[in-house]
Amino acid sequence: VNDTVALGAGVSLQYINGQISKALDLGTATRNPAFFGNPAFDGE
């Protein structure tokens, strides 16, 4: 604008990509206490 003030602006095009995984406690879902939290019965 002058020697004291300058202004600026921009526009953004933003790409986003996500990848998330977790284990599932399928042993607990069977309602068999022997399977609760057992990694052999984990899904993902």
PDB file of all heavy atoms in Angstrom:
ATOM      1  N   VAL A   1       0.840  -1.202   0.000  1.00  0.00           N
ATOM      2  CA  VAL A   1       0.000   0.000   0.000  1.00  0.00           C
ATOM      3  C   VAL A   1       0.869   1.242   0.000  1.00  0.00           C
ATOM      4  O   VAL A   1       0.653   2.188  -0.776  1.00  0.00           O
ATOM      5  CB  VAL A   1      -0.936  -0.008   1.221  1.00  0.00           C
ATOM      6  CG1 VAL A   1      -1.800   1.256   1.246  1.00  0.00           C
ATOM      7  CG2 VAL A   1      -1.815  -1.260   1.225  1.00  0.00           C
ATOM      8  N   ASN A   2       1.868   1.268   0.858  1.00  0.00           N
ATOM      9  CA  ASN A   2       2.834   2.366   0.939  1.00  0.00           C
ATOM     10  C   ASN A   2       4.054   1.837   1.685  1.00  0.00           C
ATOM     11  O   ASN A   2       4.168   0.624   1.920  1.00  0.00           O
ATOM     12  CB  ASN A   2       2.225   3.600   1.628  1.00  0.00           C
ATOM     13  CG  ASN A   2       1.571   3.259   2.969  1.00  0.00           C
ATOM     14  OD1 ASN A   2       2.144   2.520   3.771  1.00  0.00           O
ATOM     15  ND2 ASN A   2       0.366   3.786   3.190  1.00  0.00           N
ATOM     16  N   ASP A   3       4.948   2.727   2.081  1.00  0.00           N
ATOM     17  CA  ASP A   3       6.165   2.278   2.753  1.00  0.00           C
ATOM     18  C   ASP A   3       5.906   1.729   4.154  1.00  0.00           C
ATOM     19  O   ASP A   3       6.797   1.135   4.761  1.00  0.00           O
ATOM     20  CB  ASP A   3       7.175   3.422   2.837  1.00  0.00           C
ATOM     21  CG  ASP A   3       7.758   3.780   1.476  1.00  0.00           C
ATOM     22  OD1 ASP A   3       7.694   2.917   0.574  1.00  0.00           O
ATOM     23  OD2 ASP A   3       8.267   4.914   1.327  1.00  0.00           O
ATOM     24  N   THR A   4       4.689   1.929   4.645  1.00  0.00           N
ATOM     25  CA  THR A   4       4.361   1.480   6.006  1.00  0.00           C
ATOM     26  C   THR A   4       3.533   0.201   6.034  1.00  0.00           C
ATOM     27  O   THR A   4       3.734  -0.659   6.890  1.00  0.00           O
ATOM     28  CB  THR A   4       3.595   2.589   6.760  1.00  0.00           C
ATOM     29  OG1 THR A   4       4.399   3.770   6.805  1.00  0.00           O
ATOM     30  CG2 THR A   4       3.265   2.166   8.181  1.00  0.00           C
ATOM     31  N   VAL A   5       2.635   0.050   5.085  1.00  0.00           N
ATOM     32  CA  VAL A   5       1.647  -1.038   5.138  1.00  0.00           C
ATOM     33  C   VAL A   5       1.721  -1.907   3.884  1.00  0.00           C
ATOM     34  O   VAL A   5       1.790  -1.394   2.764  1.00  0.00           O
ATOM     35  CB  VAL A   5       0.218  -0.472   5.284  1.00  0.00           C
ATOM     36  CG1 VAL A   5      -0.800  -1.613   5.327  1.00  0.00           C
ATOM     37  CG2 VAL A   5       0.113   0.385   6.537  1.00  0.00           C
ATOM     38  N   ALA A   6       1.697  -3.224   4.100  1.00  0.00           N
ATOM     39  CA  ALA A   6       1.559  -4.200   3.013  1.00  0.00           C
ATOM     40  C   ALA A   6       0.503  -5.216   3.403  1.00  0.00           C
ATOM     41  O   ALA A   6       0.391  -5.599   4.578  1.00  0.00           O
ATOM     42  CB  ALA A   6       2.881  -4.893   2.723  1.00  0.00           C
ATOM     43  N   LEU A   7      -0.278  -5.654   2.433  1.00  0.00           N
ATOM     44  CA  LEU A   7      -1.343  -6.616   2.662  1.00  0.00           C
ATOM     45  C   LEU A   7      -1.102  -7.865   1.825  1.00  0.00           C
ATOM     46  O   LEU A   7      -0.467  -7.797   0.762  1.00  0.00           O
ATOM     47  CB  LEU A   7      -2.709  -6.007   2.309  1.00  0.00           C
ATOM     48  CG  LEU A   7      -3.065  -4.694   3.001  1.00  0.00           C
ATOM     49  CD1 LEU A   7      -4.391  -4.168   2.466  1.00  0.00           C
ATOM     50  CD2 LEU A   7      -3.132  -4.888   4.517  1.00  0.00           C
ATOM     51  N   GLY A   8      -1.622  -8.985   2.275  1.00  0.00           N
ATOM     52  CA  GLY A   8      -1.447 -10.222   1.529  1.00  0.00           C
ATOM     53  C   GLY A   8      -2.645 -11.137   1.697  1.00  0.00           C
ATOM     54  O   GLY A   8      -3.387 -11.056   2.679  1.00  0.00           O
ATOM     55  N   ALA A   9      -2.845 -12.027   0.733  1.00  0.00           N
ATOM     56  CA  ALA A   9      -3.944 -12.984   0.794  1.00  0.00           C
ATOM     57  C   ALA A   9      -3.590 -14.200  -0.045  1.00  0.00           C
ATOM     58  O   ALA A   9      -2.762 -14.132  -0.963  1.00  0.00           O
ATOM     59  CB  ALA A   9      -5.247 -12.354   0.292  1.00  0.00           C
ATOM     60  N   GLY A  10      -4.223 -15.316   0.275  1.00  0.00           N
ATOM     61  CA  GLY A  10      -4.000 -16.533  -0.482  1.00  0.00           C
ATOM     62  C   GLY A  10      -5.197 -17.453  -0.385  1.00  0.00           C
ATOM     63  O   GLY A  10      -6.058 -17.305   0.497  1.00  0.00           O
ATOM     64  N   VAL A  11      -5.287 -18.400  -1.282  1.00  0.00           N
ATOM     65  CA  VAL A  11      -6.306 -19.443  -1.231  1.00  0.00           C
ATOM     66  C   VAL A  11      -5.599 -20.791  -1.092  1.00  0.00           C
ATOM     67  O   VAL A  11      -4.462 -20.958  -1.543  1.00  0.00           O
ATOM     68  CB  VAL A  11      -7.210 -19.433  -2.477  1.00  0.00           C
ATOM     69  CG1 VAL A  11      -8.011 -18.140  -2.542  1.00  0.00           C
ATOM     70  CG2 VAL A  11      -6.385 -19.600  -3.755  1.00  0.00           C
ATOM     71  N   SER A  12      -6.275 -21.742  -0.449  1.00  0.00           N
ATOM     72  CA  SER A  12      -5.670 -23.042  -0.181  1.00  0.00           C
ATOM     73  C   SER A  12      -6.512 -24.165  -0.757  1.00  0.00           C
ATOM     74  O   SER A  12      -7.736 -24.185  -0.599  1.00  0.00           O
ATOM     75  CB  SER A  12      -5.521 -23.271   1.331  1.00  0.00           C
ATOM     76  OG  SER A  12      -4.476 -22.483   1.860  1.00  0.00           O
ATOM     77  N   LEU A  13      -5.840 -25.094  -1.396  1.00  0.00           N
ATOM     78  CA  LEU A  13      -6.423 -26.369  -1.793  1.00  0.00           C
ATOM     79  C   LEU A  13      -5.687 -27.425  -0.986  1.00  0.00           C
ATOM     80  O   LEU A  13      -4.481 -27.602  -1.137  1.00  0.00           O
ATOM     81  CB  LEU A  13      -6.252 -26.600  -3.292  1.00  0.00           C
ATOM     82  CG  LEU A  13      -6.877 -27.856  -3.904  1.00  0.00           C
ATOM     83  CD1 LEU A  13      -7.228 -27.628  -5.372  1.00  0.00           C
ATOM     84  CD2 LEU A  13      -5.933 -29.055  -3.789  1.00  0.00           C
ATOM     85  N   GLN A  14      -6.423 -28.104  -0.096  1.00  0.00           N
ATOM     86  CA  GLN A  14      -5.782 -29.006   0.859  1.00  0.00           C
ATOM     87  C   GLN A  14      -6.277 -30.442   0.680  1.00  0.00           C
ATOM     88  O   GLN A  14      -7.468 -30.712   0.761  1.00  0.00           O
ATOM     89  CB  GLN A  14      -6.064 -28.542   2.289  1.00  0.00           C
ATOM     90  CG  GLN A  14      -5.401 -29.404   3.373  1.00  0.00           C
ATOM     91  CD  GLN A  14      -5.479 -28.756   4.725  1.00  0.00           C
ATOM     92  OE1 GLN A  14      -4.689 -27.865   5.053  1.00  0.00           O
ATOM     93  NE2 GLN A  14      -6.433 -29.184   5.537  1.00  0.00           N
ATOM     94  N   TYR A  15      -5.331 -31.344   0.468  1.00  0.00           N
ATOM     95  CA  TYR A  15      -5.622 -32.776   0.375  1.00  0.00           C
ATOM     96  C   TYR A  15      -5.302 -33.424   1.713  1.00  0.00           C
ATOM     97  O   TYR A  15      -4.271 -33.142   2.328  1.00  0.00           O
ATOM     98  CB  TYR A  15      -4.775 -33.418  -0.727  1.00  0.00           C
ATOM     99  CG  TYR A  15      -4.846 -34.934  -0.761  1.00  0.00           C
ATOM    100  CD1 TYR A  15      -5.913 -35.588  -1.366  1.00  0.00           C
ATOM    101  CD2 TYR A  15      -3.831 -35.695  -0.178  1.00  0.00           C
ATOM    102  CE1 TYR A  15      -5.967 -36.977  -1.394  1.00  0.00           C
ATOM    103  CE2 TYR A  15      -3.881 -37.081  -0.201  1.00  0.00           C
ATOM    104  CZ  TYR A  15      -4.953 -37.718  -0.814  1.00  0.00           C
ATOM    105  OH  TYR A  15      -5.004 -39.090  -0.829  1.00  0.00           O
ATOM    106  N   ILE A  16      -6.197 -34.315   2.179  1.00  0.00           N
ATOM    107  CA  ILE A  16      -5.980 -35.009   3.436  1.00  0.00           C
ATOM    108  C   ILE A  16      -6.174 -36.503   3.221  1.00  0.00           C
ATOM    109  O   ILE A  16      -7.081 -36.933   2.498  1.00  0.00           O
ATOM    110  CB  ILE A  16      -6.929 -34.475   4.545  1.00  0.00           C
ATOM    111  CG1 ILE A  16      -6.602 -35.116   5.895  1.00  0.00           C
ATOM    112  CG2 ILE A  16      -8.392 -34.685   4.170  1.00  0.00           C
ATOM    113  CD1 ILE A  16      -7.339 -34.477   7.058  1.00  0.00           C
ATOM    114  N   ASN A  17      -5.297 -37.294   3.833  1.00  0.00           N
ATOM    115  CA  ASN A  17      -5.355 -38.747   3.726  1.00  0.00           C
ATOM    116  C   ASN A  17      -5.116 -39.344   5.107  1.00  0.00           C
ATOM    117  O   ASN A  17      -4.177 -38.943   5.810  1.00  0.00           O
ATOM    118  CB  ASN A  17      -4.300 -39.257   2.742  1.00  0.00           C
ATOM    119  CG  ASN A  17      -4.290 -40.768   2.634  1.00  0.00           C
ATOM    120  OD1 ASN A  17      -5.253 -41.376   2.169  1.00  0.00           O
ATOM    121  ND2 ASN A  17      -3.204 -41.390   3.079  1.00  0.00           N
ATOM    122  N   GLY A  18      -5.967 -40.280   5.501  1.00  0.00           N
ATOM    123  CA  GLY A  18      -5.818 -40.886   6.814  1.00  0.00           C
ATOM    124  C   GLY A  18      -5.876 -42.395   6.766  1.00  0.00           C
ATOM    125  O   GLY A  18      -6.566 -42.980   5.922  1.00  0.00           O
ATOM    126  N   GLN A  19      -5.136 -43.027   7.665  1.00  0.00           N
ATOM    127  CA  GLN A  19      -5.129 -44.484   7.776  1.00  0.00           C
ATOM    128  C   GLN A  19      -5.004 -44.831   9.250  1.00  0.00           C
ATOM    129  O   GLN A  19      -4.015 -44.478   9.900  1.00  0.00           O
ATOM    130  CB  GLN A  19      -3.969 -45.092   6.992  1.00  0.00           C
ATOM    131  CG  GLN A  19      -3.822 -46.596   7.157  1.00  0.00           C
ATOM    132  CD  GLN A  19      -2.608 -47.152   6.432  1.00  0.00           C
ATOM    133  OE1 GLN A  19      -2.124 -46.558   5.465  1.00  0.00           O
ATOM    134  NE2 GLN A  19      -2.099 -48.276   6.893  1.00  0.00           N
ATOM    135  N   ILE A  20      -6.001 -45.515   9.796  1.00  0.00           N
ATOM    136  CA  ILE A  20      -6.052 -45.813  11.221  1.00  0.00           C
ATOM    137  C   ILE A  20      -6.402 -47.274  11.426  1.00  0.00           C
ATOM    138  O   ILE A  20      -7.301 -47.805  10.771  1.00  0.00           O
ATOM    139  CB  ILE A  20      -7.125 -44.961  11.935  1.00  0.00           C
ATOM    140  CG1 ILE A  20      -7.017 -43.497  11.556  1.00  0.00           C
ATOM    141  CG2 ILE A  20      -7.047 -45.165  13.445  1.00  0.00           C
ATOM    142  CD1 ILE A  20      -5.766 -42.827  11.995  1.00  0.00           C
ATOM    143  N   SER A  21      -5.700 -47.941  12.345  1.00  0.00           N
ATOM    144  CA  SER A  21      -6.040 -49.322  12.671  1.00  0.00           C
ATOM    145  C   SER A  21      -6.029 -49.533  14.175  1.00  0.00           C
ATOM    146  O   SER A  21      -5.354 -48.815  14.915  1.00  0.00           O
ATOM    147  CB  SER A  21      -5.062 -50.294  11.998  1.00  0.00           C
ATOM    148  OG  SER A  21      -3.751 -50.126  12.505  1.00  0.00           O
ATOM    149  N   LYS A  22      -6.796 -50.507  14.639  1.00  0.00           N
ATOM    150  CA  LYS A  22      -6.861 -50.879  16.046  1.00  0.00           C
ATOM    151  C   LYS A  22      -7.279 -52.330  16.150  1.00  0.00           C
ATOM    152  O   LYS A  22      -7.875 -52.898  15.220  1.00  0.00           O
ATOM    153  CB  LYS A  22      -7.846 -49.997  16.810  1.00  0.00           C
ATOM    154  CG  LYS A  22      -9.278 -50.165  16.351  1.00  0.00           C
ATOM    155  CD  LYS A  22     -10.227 -49.276  17.117  1.00  0.00           C
ATOM    156  CE  LYS A  22     -10.432 -49.768  18.530  1.00  0.00           C
ATOM    157  NZ  LYS A  22     -11.281 -50.981  18.591  1.00  0.00           N
ATOM    158  N   ALA A  23      -6.945 -52.963  17.270  1.00  0.00           N
ATOM    159  CA  ALA A  23      -7.381 -54.325  17.522  1.00  0.00           C
ATOM    160  C   ALA A  23      -8.812 -54.300  18.063  1.00  0.00           C
ATOM    161  O   ALA A  23      -9.247 -53.317  18.680  1.00  0.00           O
ATOM    162  CB  ALA A  23      -6.452 -55.006  18.520  1.00  0.00           C
ATOM    163  N   LEU A  24      -9.546 -55.389  17.841  1.00  0.00           N
ATOM    164  CA  LEU A  24     -10.908 -55.535  18.325  1.00  0.00           C
ATOM    165  C   LEU A  24     -10.972 -56.696  19.307  1.00  0.00           C
ATOM    166  O   LEU A  24     -10.489 -57.802  19.011  1.00  0.00           O
ATOM    167  CB  LEU A  24     -11.866 -55.794  17.156  1.00  0.00           C
ATOM    168  CG  LEU A  24     -11.914 -54.732  16.064  1.00  0.00           C
ATOM    169  CD1 LEU A  24     -12.871 -55.169  14.958  1.00  0.00           C
ATOM    170  CD2 LEU A  24     -12.337 -53.386  16.620  1.00  0.00           C
ATOM    171  N   ASP A  25     -11.569 -56.459  20.454  1.00  0.00           N
ATOM    172  CA  ASP A  25     -11.674 -57.474  21.495  1.00  0.00           C
ATOM    173  C   ASP A  25     -12.873 -58.381  21.190  1.00  0.00           C
ATOM    174  O   ASP A  25     -13.911 -58.325  21.848  1.00  0.00           O
ATOM    175  CB  ASP A  25     -11.821 -56.798  22.856  1.00  0.00           C
ATOM    176  CG  ASP A  25     -11.918 -57.788  23.996  1.00  0.00           C
ATOM    177  OD1 ASP A  25     -11.569 -58.971  23.780  1.00  0.00           O
ATOM    178  OD2 ASP A  25     -12.349 -57.389  25.099  1.00  0.00           O
ATOM    179  N   LEU A  26     -12.722 -59.227  20.186  1.00  0.00           N
ATOM    180  CA  LEU A  26     -13.818 -60.108  19.782  1.00  0.00           C
ATOM    181  C   LEU A  26     -14.045 -61.224  20.794  1.00  0.00           C
ATOM    182  O   LEU A  26     -15.133 -61.797  20.856  1.00  0.00           O
ATOM    183  CB  LEU A  26     -13.533 -60.694  18.404  1.00  0.00           C
ATOM    184  CG  LEU A  26     -13.347 -59.675  17.270  1.00  0.00           C
ATOM    185  CD1 LEU A  26     -13.180 -60.387  15.936  1.00  0.00           C
ATOM    186  CD2 LEU A  26     -14.507 -58.706  17.216  1.00  0.00           C
ATOM    187  N   GLY A  27     -13.027 -61.530  21.582  1.00  0.00           N
ATOM    188  CA  GLY A  27     -13.201 -62.543  22.616  1.00  0.00           C
ATOM    189  C   GLY A  27     -14.263 -62.148  23.624  1.00  0.00           C
ATOM    190  O   GLY A  27     -15.099 -62.965  24.028  1.00  0.00           O
ATOM    191  N   THR A  28     -14.264 -60.867  24.019  1.00  0.00           N
ATOM    192  CA  THR A  28     -15.270 -60.396  24.958  1.00  0.00           C
ATOM    193  C   THR A  28     -16.660 -60.446  24.344  1.00  0.00           C
ATOM    194  O   THR A  28     -17.648 -60.732  25.024  1.00  0.00           O
ATOM    195  CB  THR A  28     -14.928 -58.965  25.422  1.00  0.00           C
ATOM    196  OG1 THR A  28     -13.717 -59.000  26.175  1.00  0.00           O
ATOM    197  CG2 THR A  28     -16.025 -58.378  26.289  1.00  0.00           C
ATOM    198  N   ALA A  29     -16.760 -60.190  23.045  1.00  0.00           N
ATOM    199  CA  ALA A  29     -18.064 -60.200  22.383  1.00  0.00           C
ATOM    200  C   ALA A  29     -18.715 -61.577  22.367  1.00  0.00           C
ATOM    201  O   ALA A  29     -19.931 -61.697  22.221  1.00  0.00           O
ATOM    202  CB  ALA A  29     -17.926 -59.691  20.954  1.00  0.00           C
ATOM    203  N   THR A  30     -17.925 -62.637  22.549  1.00  0.00           N
ATOM    204  CA  THR A  30     -18.496 -63.993  22.563  1.00  0.00           C
ATOM    205  C   THR A  30     -19.199 -64.294  23.872  1.00  0.00           C
ATOM    206  O   THR A  30     -19.879 -65.315  23.981  1.00  0.00           O
ATOM    207  CB  THR A  30     -17.402 -65.044  22.351  1.00  0.00           C
ATOM    208  OG1 THR A  30     -16.503 -65.030  23.472  1.00  0.00           O
ATOM    209  CG2 THR A  30     -16.631 -64.785  21.063  1.00  0.00           C
ATOM    210  N   ARG A  31     -18.983 -63.465  24.881  1.00  0.00           N
ATOM    211  CA  ARG A  31     -19.578 -63.622  26.212  1.00  0.00           C
ATOM    212  C   ARG A  31     -19.009 -64.830  26.955  1.00  0.00           C
ATOM    213  O   ARG A  31     -19.565 -65.263  27.960  1.00  0.00           O
ATOM    214  CB  ARG A  31     -21.101 -63.714  26.129  1.00  0.00           C
ATOM    215  CG  ARG A  31     -21.751 -62.509  25.451  1.00  0.00           C
ATOM    216  CD  ARG A  31     -23.251 -62.641  25.404  1.00  0.00           C
ATOM    217  NE  ARG A  31     -23.810 -62.621  26.750  1.00  0.00           N
ATOM    218  CZ  ARG A  31     -25.080 -62.978  27.033  1.00  0.00           C
ATOM    219  NH1 ARG A  31     -25.871 -63.380  26.076  1.00  0.00           N
ATOM    220  NH2 ARG A  31     -25.514 -62.917  28.268  1.00  0.00           N
ATOM    221  N   ASN A  32     -17.907 -65.367  26.474  1.00  0.00           N
ATOM    222  CA  ASN A  32     -17.231 -66.464  27.152  1.00  0.00           C
ATOM    223  C   ASN A  32     -16.071 -65.884  27.948  1.00  0.00           C
ATOM    224  O   ASN A  32     -15.089 -65.413  27.367  1.00  0.00           O
ATOM    225  CB  ASN A  32     -16.720 -67.482  26.127  1.00  0.00           C
ATOM    226  CG  ASN A  32     -16.090 -68.709  26.789  1.00  0.00           C
ATOM    227  OD1 ASN A  32     -15.655 -68.663  27.940  1.00  0.00           O
ATOM    228  ND2 ASN A  32     -16.048 -69.806  26.053  1.00  0.00           N
ATOM    229  N   PRO A  33     -16.153 -65.887  29.285  1.00  0.00           N
ATOM    230  CA  PRO A  33     -15.100 -65.237  30.090  1.00  0.00           C
ATOM    231  C   PRO A  33     -13.693 -65.732  29.785  1.00  0.00           C
ATOM    232  O   PRO A  33     -12.720 -64.982  29.960  1.00  0.00           O
ATOM    233  CB  PRO A  33     -15.509 -65.588  31.529  1.00  0.00           C
ATOM    234  CG  PRO A  33     -16.989 -65.807  31.454  1.00  0.00           C
ATOM    235  CD  PRO A  33     -17.229 -66.449  30.116  1.00  0.00           C
ATOM    236  N   ALA A  34     -13.561 -66.967  29.316  1.00  0.00           N
ATOM    237  CA  ALA A  34     -12.233 -67.497  29.006  1.00  0.00           C
ATOM    238  C   ALA A  34     -11.603 -66.804  27.808  1.00  0.00           C
ATOM    239  O   ALA A  34     -10.385 -66.853  27.620  1.00  0.00           O
ATOM    240  CB  ALA A  34     -12.325 -68.998  28.735  1.00  0.00           C
ATOM    241  N   PHE A  35     -12.424 -66.147  26.990  1.00  0.00           N
ATOM    242  CA  PHE A  35     -11.931 -65.486  25.777  1.00  0.00           C
ATOM    243  C   PHE A  35     -11.711 -63.987  25.973  1.00  0.00           C
ATOM    244  O   PHE A  35     -11.139 -63.333  25.115  1.00  0.00           O
ATOM    245  CB  PHE A  35     -12.918 -65.683  24.627  1.00  0.00           C
ATOM    246  CG  PHE A  35     -13.082 -67.112  24.178  1.00  0.00           C
ATOM    247  CD1 PHE A  35     -14.123 -67.468  23.339  1.00  0.00           C
ATOM    248  CD2 PHE A  35     -12.208 -68.097  24.601  1.00  0.00           C
ATOM    249  CE1 PHE A  35     -14.290 -68.785  22.920  1.00  0.00           C
ATOM    250  CE2 PHE A  35     -12.362 -69.416  24.186  1.00  0.00           C
ATOM    251  CZ  PHE A  35     -13.404 -69.758  23.341  1.00  0.00           C
ATOM    252  N   PHE A  36     -12.189 -63.413  27.106  1.00  0.00           N
ATOM    253  CA  PHE A  36     -12.154 -61.969  27.302  1.00  0.00           C
ATOM    254  C   PHE A  36     -10.712 -61.458  27.228  1.00  0.00           C
ATOM    255  O   PHE A  36      -9.833 -61.910  27.964  1.00  0.00           O
ATOM    256  CB  PHE A  36     -12.743 -61.583  28.654  1.00  0.00           C
ATOM    257  CG  PHE A  36     -14.230 -61.779  28.766  1.00  0.00           C
ATOM    258  CD1 PHE A  36     -14.961 -62.322  27.727  1.00  0.00           C
ATOM    259  CD2 PHE A  36     -14.897 -61.419  29.931  1.00  0.00           C
ATOM    260  CE1 PHE A  36     -16.331 -62.503  27.836  1.00  0.00           C
ATOM    261  CE2 PHE A  36     -16.269 -61.592  30.049  1.00  0.00           C
ATOM    262  CZ  PHE A  36     -16.980 -62.146  29.003  1.00  0.00           C
ATOM    263  N   GLY A  37     -10.436 -60.514  26.331  1.00  0.00           N
ATOM    264  CA  GLY A  37      -9.123 -59.899  26.232  1.00  0.00           C
ATOM    265  C   GLY A  37      -8.037 -60.845  25.778  1.00  0.00           C
ATOM    266  O   GLY A  37      -6.853 -60.516  25.891  1.00  0.00           O
ATOM    267  N   ASN A  38      -8.406 -61.997  25.252  1.00  0.00           N
ATOM    268  CA  ASN A  38      -7.431 -62.987  24.798  1.00  0.00           C
ATOM    269  C   ASN A  38      -6.938 -62.605  23.402  1.00  0.00           C
ATOM    270  O   ASN A  38      -7.725 -62.557  22.461  1.00  0.00           O
ATOM    271  CB  ASN A  38      -8.074 -64.376  24.770  1.00  0.00           C
ATOM    272  CG  ASN A  38      -7.077 -65.484  24.478  1.00  0.00           C
ATOM    273  OD1 ASN A  38      -6.057 -65.263  23.824  1.00  0.00           O
ATOM    274  ND2 ASN A  38      -7.375 -66.679  24.958  1.00  0.00           N
ATOM    275  N   PRO A  39      -5.638 -62.323  23.224  1.00  0.00           N
ATOM    276  CA  PRO A  39      -5.156 -61.876  21.911  1.00  0.00           C
ATOM    277  C   PRO A  39      -5.386 -62.897  20.805  1.00  0.00           C
ATOM    278  O   PRO A  39      -5.407 -62.536  19.630  1.00  0.00           O
ATOM    279  CB  PRO A  39      -3.668 -61.623  22.145  1.00  0.00           C
ATOM    280  CG  PRO A  39      -3.321 -62.359  23.399  1.00  0.00           C
ATOM    281  CD  PRO A  39      -4.566 -62.365  24.230  1.00  0.00           C
ATOM    282  N   ALA A  40      -5.561 -64.177  21.163  1.00  0.00           N
ATOM    283  CA  ALA A  40      -5.829 -65.196  20.144  1.00  0.00           C
ATOM    284  C   ALA A  40      -7.176 -64.969  19.470  1.00  0.00           C
ATOM    285  O   ALA A  40      -7.424 -65.479  18.368  1.00  0.00           O
ATOM    286  CB  ALA A  40      -5.785 -66.588  20.768  1.00  0.00           C
ATOM    287  N   PHE A  41      -8.058 -64.214  20.128  1.00  0.00           N
ATOM    288  CA  PHE A  41      -9.381 -63.944  19.579  1.00  0.00           C
ATOM    289  C   PHE A  41      -9.554 -62.471  19.213  1.00  0.00           C
ATOM    290  O   PHE A  41     -10.672 -61.992  19.087  1.00  0.00           O
ATOM    291  CB  PHE A  41     -10.463 -64.385  20.577  1.00  0.00           C
ATOM    292  CG  PHE A  41     -10.427 -65.858  20.865  1.00  0.00           C
ATOM    293  CD1 PHE A  41      -9.799 -66.333  22.012  1.00  0.00           C
ATOM    294  CD2 PHE A  41     -10.976 -66.773  19.992  1.00  0.00           C
ATOM    295  CE1 PHE A  41      -9.741 -67.697  22.280  1.00  0.00           C
ATOM    296  CE2 PHE A  41     -10.925 -68.132  20.239  1.00  0.00           C
ATOM    297  CZ  PHE A  41     -10.299 -68.599  21.388  1.00  0.00           C
ATOM    298  N   ASP A  42      -8.440 -61.777  19.068  1.00  0.00           N
ATOM    299  CA  ASP A  42      -8.506 -60.369  18.639  1.00  0.00           C
ATOM    300  C   ASP A  42      -8.774 -60.285  17.146  1.00  0.00           C
ATOM    301  O   ASP A  42      -8.204 -61.049  16.346  1.00  0.00           O
ATOM    302  CB  ASP A  42      -7.182 -59.653  18.930  1.00  0.00           C
ATOM    303  CG  ASP A  42      -7.032 -59.272  20.381  1.00  0.00           C
ATOM    304  OD1 ASP A  42      -7.993 -59.454  21.145  1.00  0.00           O
ATOM    305  OD2 ASP A  42      -5.937 -58.804  20.748  1.00  0.00           O
ATOM    306  N   GLY A  43      -9.609 -59.364  16.766  1.00  0.00           N
ATOM    307  CA  GLY A  43      -9.750 -58.991  15.367  1.00  0.00           C
ATOM    308  C   GLY A  43      -9.024 -57.676  15.134  1.00  0.00           C
ATOM    309  O   GLY A  43      -8.248 -57.209  15.981  1.00  0.00           O
ATOM    310  N   GLU A  44      -9.251 -57.076  13.987  1.00  0.00           N
ATOM    311  CA  GLU A  44      -8.626 -55.785  13.680  1.00  0.00           C
ATOM    312  C   GLU A  44      -9.519 -54.999  12.727  1.00  0.00           C
ATOM    313  O   GLU A  44     -10.165 -55.582  11.850  1.00  0.00           O
ATOM    314  CB  GLU A  44      -7.256 -55.978  13.041  1.00  0.00           C
ATOM    315  CG  GLU A  44      -6.484 -54.694  12.811  1.00  0.00           C
ATOM    316  CD  GLU A  44      -5.086 -54.926  12.260  1.00  0.00           C
ATOM    317  OE1 GLU A  44      -4.434 -55.893  12.691  1.00  0.00           O
ATOM    318  OE2 GLU A  44      -4.675 -54.142  11.383  1.00  0.00           O
TER     319      GLU A  44
END
